C-alpha atoms as a PDB file:
ATOM      1  CA  UNK A   1      66.751  22.643   2.411  1.00  0.00           C
ATOM      2  CA  UNK A   2      63.736  24.239   0.474  1.00  0.00           C
ATOM      3  CA  UNK A   3      61.286  24.045   3.284  1.00  0.00           C
ATOM      4  CA  UNK A   4      63.776  25.221   6.271  1.00  0.00           C
ATOM      5  CA  UNK A   5      64.968  28.556   4.051  1.00  0.00           C
ATOM      6  CA  UNK A   6      61.614  28.955   2.924  1.00  0.00           C
ATOM      7  CA  UNK A   7      60.219  28.480   6.959  1.00  0.00           C
ATOM      8  CA  UNK A   8      58.965  32.372   8.316  1.00  0.00           C
ATOM      9  CA  UNK A   9      56.754  32.251  11.580  1.00  0.00           C
ATOM     10  CA  UNK A  10      53.370  32.879  10.063  1.00  0.00           C
ATOM     11  CA  UNK A  11      51.639  35.949  12.443  1.00  0.00           C
ATOM     12  CA  UNK A  12      48.916  36.723   9.391  1.00  0.00           C
ATOM     13  CA  UNK A  13      44.940  35.824   8.339  1.00  0.00           C
ATOM     14  CA  UNK A  14      44.576  32.494   7.653  1.00  0.00           C
ATOM     15  CA  UNK A  15      42.461  31.114   4.263  1.00  0.00           C
ATOM     16  CA  UNK A  16      39.071  29.546   5.814  1.00  0.00           C
ATOM     17  CA  UNK A  17      40.317  26.509   3.858  1.00  0.00           C
ATOM     18  CA  UNK A  18      40.100  23.199   6.129  1.00  0.00           C
ATOM     19  CA  UNK A  19      43.388  21.034   6.471  1.00  0.00           C
ATOM     20  CA  UNK A  20      42.802  17.834   4.890  1.00  0.00           C
ATOM     21  CA  UNK A  21      43.032  15.122   8.761  1.00  0.00           C
ATOM     22  CA  UNK A  22      45.584  13.412   6.399  1.00  0.00           C
ATOM     23  CA  UNK A  23      47.780  16.863   6.613  1.00  0.00           C
ATOM     24  CA  UNK A  24      47.038  16.797   9.698  1.00  0.00           C
ATOM     25  CA  UNK A  25      48.706  13.486  10.764  1.00  0.00           C
ATOM     26  CA  UNK A  26      51.318  13.583   8.319  1.00  0.00           C
ATOM     27  CA  UNK A  27      52.600  17.092  10.132  1.00  0.00           C
ATOM     28  CA  UNK A  28      52.330  14.989  13.880  1.00  0.00           C
ATOM     29  CA  UNK A  29      54.205  12.522  12.373  1.00  0.00           C
ATOM     30  CA  UNK A  30      56.912  14.513  11.137  1.00  0.00           C
ATOM     31  CA  UNK A  31      56.819  15.687  15.183  1.00  0.00           C
ATOM     32  CA  UNK A  32      57.011  12.451  16.496  1.00  0.00           C
ATOM     33  CA  UNK A  33      59.667  11.086  14.470  1.00  0.00           C
ATOM     34  CA  UNK A  34      62.143  14.009  16.072  1.00  0.00           C
ATOM     35  CA  UNK A  35      64.714  13.143  17.797  1.00  0.00           C
ATOM     36  CA  UNK A  36      64.172  12.597  21.211  1.00  0.00           C
ATOM     37  CA  UNK A  37      66.822  12.611  24.482  1.00  0.00           C
ATOM     38  CA  UNK A  38      67.836   9.017  25.877  1.00  0.00           C
ATOM     39  CA  UNK A  39      64.678   8.060  23.524  1.00  0.00           C
ATOM     40  CA  UNK A  40      62.155   8.892  26.348  1.00  0.00           C
ATOM     41  CA  UNK A  41      59.962  10.433  23.485  1.00  0.00           C
ATOM     42  CA  UNK A  42      58.491  13.510  25.692  1.00  0.00           C
ATOM     43  CA  UNK A  43      56.169  15.079  22.944  1.00  0.00           C
ATOM     44  CA  UNK A  44      52.812  14.133  23.040  1.00  0.00           C
ATOM     45  CA  UNK A  45      50.154  16.073  20.017  1.00  0.00           C
ATOM     46  CA  UNK A  46      46.739  16.853  19.772  1.00  0.00           C
ATOM     47  CA  UNK A  47      45.527  18.149  16.260  1.00  0.00           C
ATOM     48  CA  UNK A  48      42.393  20.792  17.178  1.00  0.00           C
ATOM     49  CA  UNK A  49      40.113  21.205  13.646  1.00  0.00           C
ATOM     50  CA  UNK A  50      36.684  21.300  15.414  1.00  0.00           C
ATOM     51  CA  UNK A  51      35.599  25.012  14.601  1.00  0.00           C
ATOM     52  CA  UNK A  52      33.627  24.687  18.792  1.00  0.00           C
ATOM     53  CA  UNK A  53      36.380  23.912  19.839  1.00  0.00           C
ATOM     54  CA  UNK A  54      39.261  26.335  18.394  1.00  0.00           C
ATOM     55  CA  UNK A  55      36.985  29.130  19.805  1.00  0.00           C
ATOM     56  CA  UNK A  56      36.782  28.017  22.843  1.00  0.00           C
ATOM     57  CA  UNK A  57      41.044  27.966  22.667  1.00  0.00           C
ATOM     58  CA  UNK A  58      40.763  31.348  21.281  1.00  0.00           C
ATOM     59  CA  UNK A  59      38.893  32.945  24.141  1.00  0.00           C
ATOM     60  CA  UNK A  60      41.400  31.721  26.502  1.00  0.00           C
ATOM     61  CA  UNK A  61      44.649  32.632  23.632  1.00  0.00           C
ATOM     62  CA  UNK A  62      45.597  36.439  24.850  1.00  0.00           C
ATOM     63  CA  UNK A  63      46.136  38.519  23.252  1.00  0.00           C
ATOM     64  CA  UNK A  64      44.501  36.885  20.536  1.00  0.00           C
ATOM     65  CA  UNK A  65      46.407  34.444  18.355  1.00  0.00           C
ATOM     66  CA  UNK A  66      45.567  32.559  14.969  1.00  0.00           C
ATOM     67  CA  UNK A  67      42.169  33.624  15.399  1.00  0.00           C
ATOM     68  CA  UNK A  68      41.559  32.756  11.920  1.00  0.00           C
ATOM     69  CA  UNK A  69      43.962  29.166  11.439  1.00  0.00           C
ATOM     70  CA  UNK A  70      41.787  26.660  10.653  1.00  0.00           C
ATOM     71  CA  UNK A  71      43.586  24.200  12.878  1.00  0.00           C
ATOM     72  CA  UNK A  72      45.784  23.762  15.835  1.00  0.00           C
ATOM     73  CA  UNK A  73      48.916  21.669  17.027  1.00  0.00           C
ATOM     74  CA  UNK A  74      49.003  21.650  20.831  1.00  0.00           C
ATOM     75  CA  UNK A  75      52.700  20.454  21.764  1.00  0.00           C
ATOM     76  CA  UNK A  76      52.290  18.561  24.858  1.00  0.00           C
ATOM     77  CA  UNK A  77      55.204  17.296  27.285  1.00  0.00           C
ATOM     78  CA  UNK A  78      56.425  15.365  29.904  1.00  0.00           C
ATOM     79  CA  UNK A  79      59.265  16.185  32.495  1.00  0.00           C
ATOM     80  CA  UNK A  80      60.624  12.972  32.488  1.00  0.00           C
ATOM     81  CA  UNK A  81      64.065  12.271  34.033  1.00  0.00           C
ATOM     82  CA  UNK A  82      66.190  10.915  31.384  1.00  0.00           C
ATOM     83  CA  UNK A  83      69.270  10.074  33.848  1.00  0.00           C
ATOM     84  CA  UNK A  84      70.896  10.772  36.823  1.00  0.00           C
ATOM     85  CA  UNK A  85      74.371  11.938  35.847  1.00  0.00           C
ATOM     86  CA  UNK A  86      77.962  11.554  37.831  1.00  0.00           C
ATOM     87  CA  UNK A  87      77.118  14.000  40.185  1.00  0.00           C
ATOM     88  CA  UNK A  88      74.151  13.273  41.209  1.00  0.00           C
ATOM     89  CA  UNK A  89      72.191  15.760  38.956  1.00  0.00           C
ATOM     90  CA  UNK A  90      68.443  14.485  37.067  1.00  0.00           C
ATOM     91  CA  UNK A  91      68.849  15.055  33.400  1.00  0.00           C
ATOM     92  CA  UNK A  92      65.930  16.045  31.289  1.00  0.00           C
ATOM     93  CA  UNK A  93      65.641  16.541  28.366  1.00  0.00           C
ATOM     94  CA  UNK A  94      61.951  17.298  27.587  1.00  0.00           C
ATOM     95  CA  UNK A  95      62.596  21.357  26.268  1.00  0.00           C
ATOM     96  CA  UNK A  96      64.810  19.939  23.694  1.00  0.00           C
ATOM     97  CA  UNK A  97      62.239  16.953  22.658  1.00  0.00           C
ATOM     98  CA  UNK A  98      59.548  19.147  22.101  1.00  0.00           C
ATOM     99  CA  UNK A  99      61.753  21.513  20.570  1.00  0.00           C
ATOM    100  CA  UNK A 100      62.445  19.150  17.659  1.00  0.00           C
ATOM    101  CA  UNK A 101      59.398  18.197  17.387  1.00  0.00           C
ATOM    102  CA  UNK A 102      58.098  21.511  16.807  1.00  0.00           C
ATOM    103  CA  UNK A 103      60.786  22.304  14.559  1.00  0.00           C
ATOM    104  CA  UNK A 104      60.374  18.973  12.463  1.00  0.00           C
ATOM    105  CA  UNK A 105      56.281  19.905  11.855  1.00  0.00           C
ATOM    106  CA  UNK A 106      57.467  23.351  10.795  1.00  0.00           C
ATOM    107  CA  UNK A 107      58.871  22.575   7.877  1.00  0.00           C
ATOM    108  CA  UNK A 108      56.614  19.848   7.160  1.00  0.00           C
ATOM    109  CA  UNK A 109      54.038  22.393   7.112  1.00  0.00           C
ATOM    110  CA  UNK A 110      55.738  24.605   4.778  1.00  0.00           C
ATOM    111  CA  UNK A 111      56.908  21.387   3.282  1.00  0.00           C
ATOM    112  CA  UNK A 112      52.636  20.871   2.400  1.00  0.00           C
ATOM    113  CA  UNK A 113      52.354  24.758   1.385  1.00  0.00           C
ATOM    114  CA  UNK A 114      50.611  25.706   4.762  1.00  0.00           C
ATOM    115  CA  UNK A 115      52.019  28.231   7.718  1.00  0.00           C
ATOM    116  CA  UNK A 116      52.602  28.976  11.064  1.00  0.00           C
ATOM    117  CA  UNK A 117      54.360  30.203  13.957  1.00  0.00           C
ATOM    118  CA  UNK A 118      55.721  28.801  16.901  1.00  0.00           C
ATOM    119  CA  UNK A 119      53.382  30.149  19.752  1.00  0.00           C
ATOM    120  CA  UNK A 120      55.206  29.361  23.568  1.00  0.00           C
ATOM    121  CA  UNK A 121      55.757  32.301  25.330  1.00  0.00           C
ATOM    122  CA  UNK A 122      51.590  33.442  25.758  1.00  0.00           C
ATOM    123  CA  UNK A 123      50.815  29.587  26.312  1.00  0.00           C
ATOM    124  CA  UNK A 124      53.614  29.206  29.265  1.00  0.00           C
ATOM    125  CA  UNK A 125      53.620  32.680  30.748  1.00  0.00           C
ATOM    126  CA  UNK A 126      52.370  33.004  34.634  1.00  0.00           C
ATOM    127  CA  UNK A 127      48.683  33.666  33.219  1.00  0.00           C
ATOM    128  CA  UNK A 128      48.676  30.277  32.460  1.00  0.00           C
ATOM    129  CA  UNK A 129      46.748  29.870  29.453  1.00  0.00           C
ATOM    130  CA  UNK A 130      48.557  26.376  28.290  1.00  0.00           C
ATOM    131  CA  UNK A 131      47.074  24.978  31.693  1.00  0.00           C
ATOM    132  CA  UNK A 132      43.816  26.092  30.771  1.00  0.00           C
ATOM    133  CA  UNK A 133      43.951  25.081  27.023  1.00  0.00           C
ATOM    134  CA  UNK A 134      45.161  21.882  28.032  1.00  0.00           C
ATOM    135  CA  UNK A 135      42.233  21.321  31.097  1.00  0.00           C
ATOM    136  CA  UNK A 136      39.934  22.126  27.908  1.00  0.00           C
ATOM    137  CA  UNK A 137      41.510  19.196  26.132  1.00  0.00           C
ATOM    138  CA  UNK A 138      41.144  17.309  28.875  1.00  0.00           C
ATOM    139  CA  UNK A 139      45.043  16.623  29.426  1.00  0.00           C
ATOM    140  CA  UNK A 140      46.133  14.842  32.852  1.00  0.00           C
ATOM    141  CA  UNK A 141      47.739  17.632  34.271  1.00  0.00           C
ATOM    142  CA  UNK A 142      49.685  15.363  36.625  1.00  0.00           C
ATOM    143  CA  UNK A 143      51.921  14.156  33.537  1.00  0.00           C
ATOM    144  CA  UNK A 144      51.539  16.504  30.760  1.00  0.00           C
ATOM    145  CA  UNK A 145      52.187  20.115  30.604  1.00  0.00           C
ATOM    146  CA  UNK A 146      51.040  22.435  27.294  1.00  0.00           C
ATOM    147  CA  UNK A 147      54.140  23.822  25.802  1.00  0.00           C
ATOM    148  CA  UNK A 148      52.994  25.315  22.572  1.00  0.00           C
ATOM    149  CA  UNK A 149      50.481  26.101  19.743  1.00  0.00           C
ATOM    150  CA  UNK A 150      50.422  25.864  16.267  1.00  0.00           C
ATOM    151  CA  UNK A 151      48.072  27.201  14.336  1.00  0.00           C
ATOM    152  CA  UNK A 152      48.332  25.503  10.316  1.00  0.00           C
ATOM    153  CA  UNK A 153      46.617  27.069   7.457  1.00  0.00           C
ATOM    154  CA  UNK A 154      47.054  28.754   4.401  1.00  0.00           C
ATOM    155  CA  UNK A 155      47.913  32.292   4.104  1.00  0.00           C
ATOM    156  CA  UNK A 156      46.098  34.721   3.253  1.00  0.00           C
ATOM    157  CA  UNK A 157      48.083  37.770   3.566  1.00  0.00           C
ATOM    158  CA  UNK A 158      51.960  37.714   1.718  1.00  0.00           C
ATOM    159  CA  UNK A 159      54.810  36.072   3.923  1.00  0.00           C
ATOM    160  CA  UNK A 160      57.233  38.524   5.165  1.00  0.00           C
ATOM    161  CA  UNK A 161      59.931  37.109   5.372  1.00  0.00           C
ATOM    162  CA  UNK A 162      62.769  38.646   8.165  1.00  0.00           C
ATOM    163  CA  UNK A 163      66.468  39.572   7.145  1.00  0.00           C
ATOM    164  CA  UNK A 164      68.948  36.867   8.917  1.00  0.00           C
ATOM    165  CA  UNK A 165      72.353  38.028   9.867  1.00  0.00           C
ATOM    166  CA  UNK A 166      75.016  36.895   7.859  1.00  0.00           C
ATOM    167  CA  UNK A 167      76.384  33.481   7.962  1.00  0.00           C
ATOM    168  CA  UNK A 168      79.749  34.998   8.306  1.00  0.00           C
ATOM    169  CA  UNK A 169      78.400  36.660  11.545  1.00  0.00           C
ATOM    170  CA  UNK A 170      77.327  34.124  13.166  1.00  0.00           C
ATOM    171  CA  UNK A 171      79.354  30.802  12.169  1.00  0.00           C
ATOM    172  CA  UNK A 172      83.072  29.943  12.132  1.00  0.00           C
ATOM    173  CA  UNK A 173      85.298  27.355  11.770  1.00  0.00           C
ATOM    174  CA  UNK A 174      87.766  26.161  14.238  1.00  0.00           C
ATOM    175  CA  UNK A 175      86.990  28.499  17.099  1.00  0.00           C
ATOM    176  CA  UNK A 176      84.925  31.895  18.049  1.00  0.00           C
ATOM    177  CA  UNK A 177      85.522  34.591  15.430  1.00  0.00           C
ATOM    178  CA  UNK A 178      88.204  32.106  12.988  1.00  0.00           C
ATOM    179  CA  UNK A 179      87.818  31.261   9.664  1.00  0.00           C
END
């Protein structure tokens, strides 16, 4: 619970301290341990800690985001059909799978003393930044989509938590706006 309540989207500068590969591996292991619809295990992950490669990724990302992060984890997904339901509709859980993986990683990032921010909108928007980053990383576009970038590092600025609405405004027992 501590990591859950301490996790906030961090959009500030990062200290220029390398993130050890062991920590990056642990963060990715947390992501890959997330639940997966019908056990399709759609998410795949690429950690980037090479300064030259980070600089090339930052050239793609507009508006500039995570400019000082010493590491990134790029989240990939496969749009794999889990099953066909009784109405003939194909069911795919790619979004749920990578969302669960991202949240697990965000919690482990905080647990290890780092900060991050879930960057998806600018990655998946119509300007195709995710596709360009994926191409740079050698991701096969026939099978995978790059859907998120997680910058990782130690915060160089104070964390600014947002105010959350009260529990009673968003959660109830036994029905909407009941007990």
